[in-house]
Amino acid sequence: MRRGSRHSARRRSKGSSHPHYAAAAEEFRVPASASMPKRVFTLCHYCGYTPTGSIPQSGVCPKCHYSSWERYALPEPLIPAHMK
């Protein structure tokens, strides 16, 4: 292995971050009071079944009989017109 190769370069530790990026993250944070109203969509992780209301009482998908659900929250302006 040659001296000065890319493998011998010093790496920054994962815990350290650049101060500029930390300040930018604080600047763009939206307070909860100013956030948009959201609509929550639920679907089965395995088969993609979407219940008409909330998750069934038993917690099991009526289509594939698994109990793994995913939830997505979308702001109202991003919801397509046919889903409103």
Protein backbone atom coordinates (compact mmCIF):
# COMPACT_ATOMS: atom_id res chain seq x y z
CA MET A 1 0.00 0.00 0.00
CA ARG A 2 1.34 3.39 -0.94
CA ARG A 3 1.88 6.09 1.56
CA GLY A 4 -0.76 8.82 1.40
CA SER A 5 -3.43 6.67 -0.15
CA ARG A 6 -7.10 7.30 0.47
CA HIS A 7 -7.23 4.60 3.14
CA SER A 8 -4.78 6.42 5.37
CA ALA A 9 -6.70 9.70 5.30
CA ARG A 10 -7.99 10.94 8.64
CA ARG A 11 -11.73 10.72 9.03
CA ARG A 12 -13.94 12.94 11.10
CA SER A 13 -15.78 11.16 13.87
CA LYS A 14 -19.49 10.51 13.31
CA GLY A 15 -20.53 12.49 16.40
CA SER A 16 -19.06 15.79 15.23
CA SER A 17 -20.99 18.02 12.91
CA HIS A 18 -20.18 21.25 11.23
CA PRO A 19 -21.49 24.25 13.24
CA HIS A 20 -22.98 25.81 10.09
CA TYR A 21 -25.29 22.83 9.51
CA ALA A 22 -26.43 22.73 13.13
CA ALA A 23 -27.43 26.40 12.94
CA ALA A 24 -29.28 25.84 9.66
CA ALA A 25 -31.31 22.98 11.17
CA GLU A 26 -32.47 25.23 14.01
CA GLU A 27 -33.35 28.01 11.56
CA PHE A 28 -35.73 25.86 9.47
CA ARG A 29 -37.56 24.11 12.33
CA VAL A 30 -41.33 24.69 12.17
CA PRO A 31 -43.14 25.07 15.50
CA ALA A 32 -46.11 22.76 16.06
CA SER A 33 -48.50 25.71 16.25
CA ALA A 34 -47.55 26.82 12.71
CA SER A 35 -47.71 23.39 11.07
CA MET A 36 -50.36 22.53 8.46
CA PRO A 37 -53.25 20.17 9.20
CA LYS A 38 -52.43 16.63 8.13
CA ARG A 39 -54.42 13.60 7.02
CA VAL A 40 -53.26 10.15 8.11
CA PHE A 41 -53.36 7.20 5.72
CA THR A 42 -53.06 3.60 6.94
CA LEU A 43 -52.11 0.57 4.88
CA CYS A 44 -50.99 -3.02 5.43
CA HIS A 45 -47.22 -3.40 5.19
CA TYR A 46 -47.43 -6.79 3.46
CA CYS A 47 -50.29 -6.61 0.95
CA GLY A 48 -51.04 -2.88 0.65
CA TYR A 49 -54.65 -3.18 1.85
CA THR A 50 -56.08 0.19 2.89
CA PRO A 51 -58.90 0.04 5.43
CA THR A 52 -61.83 2.41 4.88
CA GLY A 53 -61.69 3.79 8.41
CA SER A 54 -59.11 2.98 11.02
CA ILE A 55 -57.27 -0.30 11.63
CA PRO A 56 -59.72 -3.19 12.16
CA GLN A 57 -60.65 -3.95 15.78
CA SER A 58 -58.73 -7.23 15.80
CA GLY A 59 -55.56 -5.51 14.51
CA VAL A 60 -55.23 -8.15 11.76
CA CYS A 61 -55.42 -7.37 8.06
CA PRO A 62 -58.57 -8.97 6.60
CA LYS A 63 -56.79 -9.66 3.29
CA CYS A 64 -53.49 -11.32 4.30
CA HIS A 65 -54.01 -11.89 8.07
CA TYR A 66 -50.81 -10.15 9.14
CA SER A 67 -50.76 -7.36 11.73
CA SER A 68 -48.14 -4.93 10.46
CA TRP A 69 -49.55 -1.52 9.55
CA GLU A 70 -47.90 1.59 8.13
CA ARG A 71 -49.17 5.11 8.70
CA TYR A 72 -48.42 8.17 6.58
CA ALA A 73 -49.31 11.73 7.48
CA LEU A 74 -49.59 14.13 4.53
CA PRO A 75 -50.27 17.87 4.72
CA GLU A 76 -53.64 18.78 3.20
CA PRO A 77 -52.16 20.71 0.21
CA LEU A 78 -50.23 17.58 -0.91
CA ILE A 79 -53.25 15.27 -1.00
CA PRO A 80 -54.46 14.59 -4.57
CA ALA A 81 -57.96 15.84 -5.42
CA HIS A 82 -59.35 12.33 -5.95
CA MET A 83 -58.39 11.38 -2.37
CA LYS A 84 -60.03 14.32 -0.60
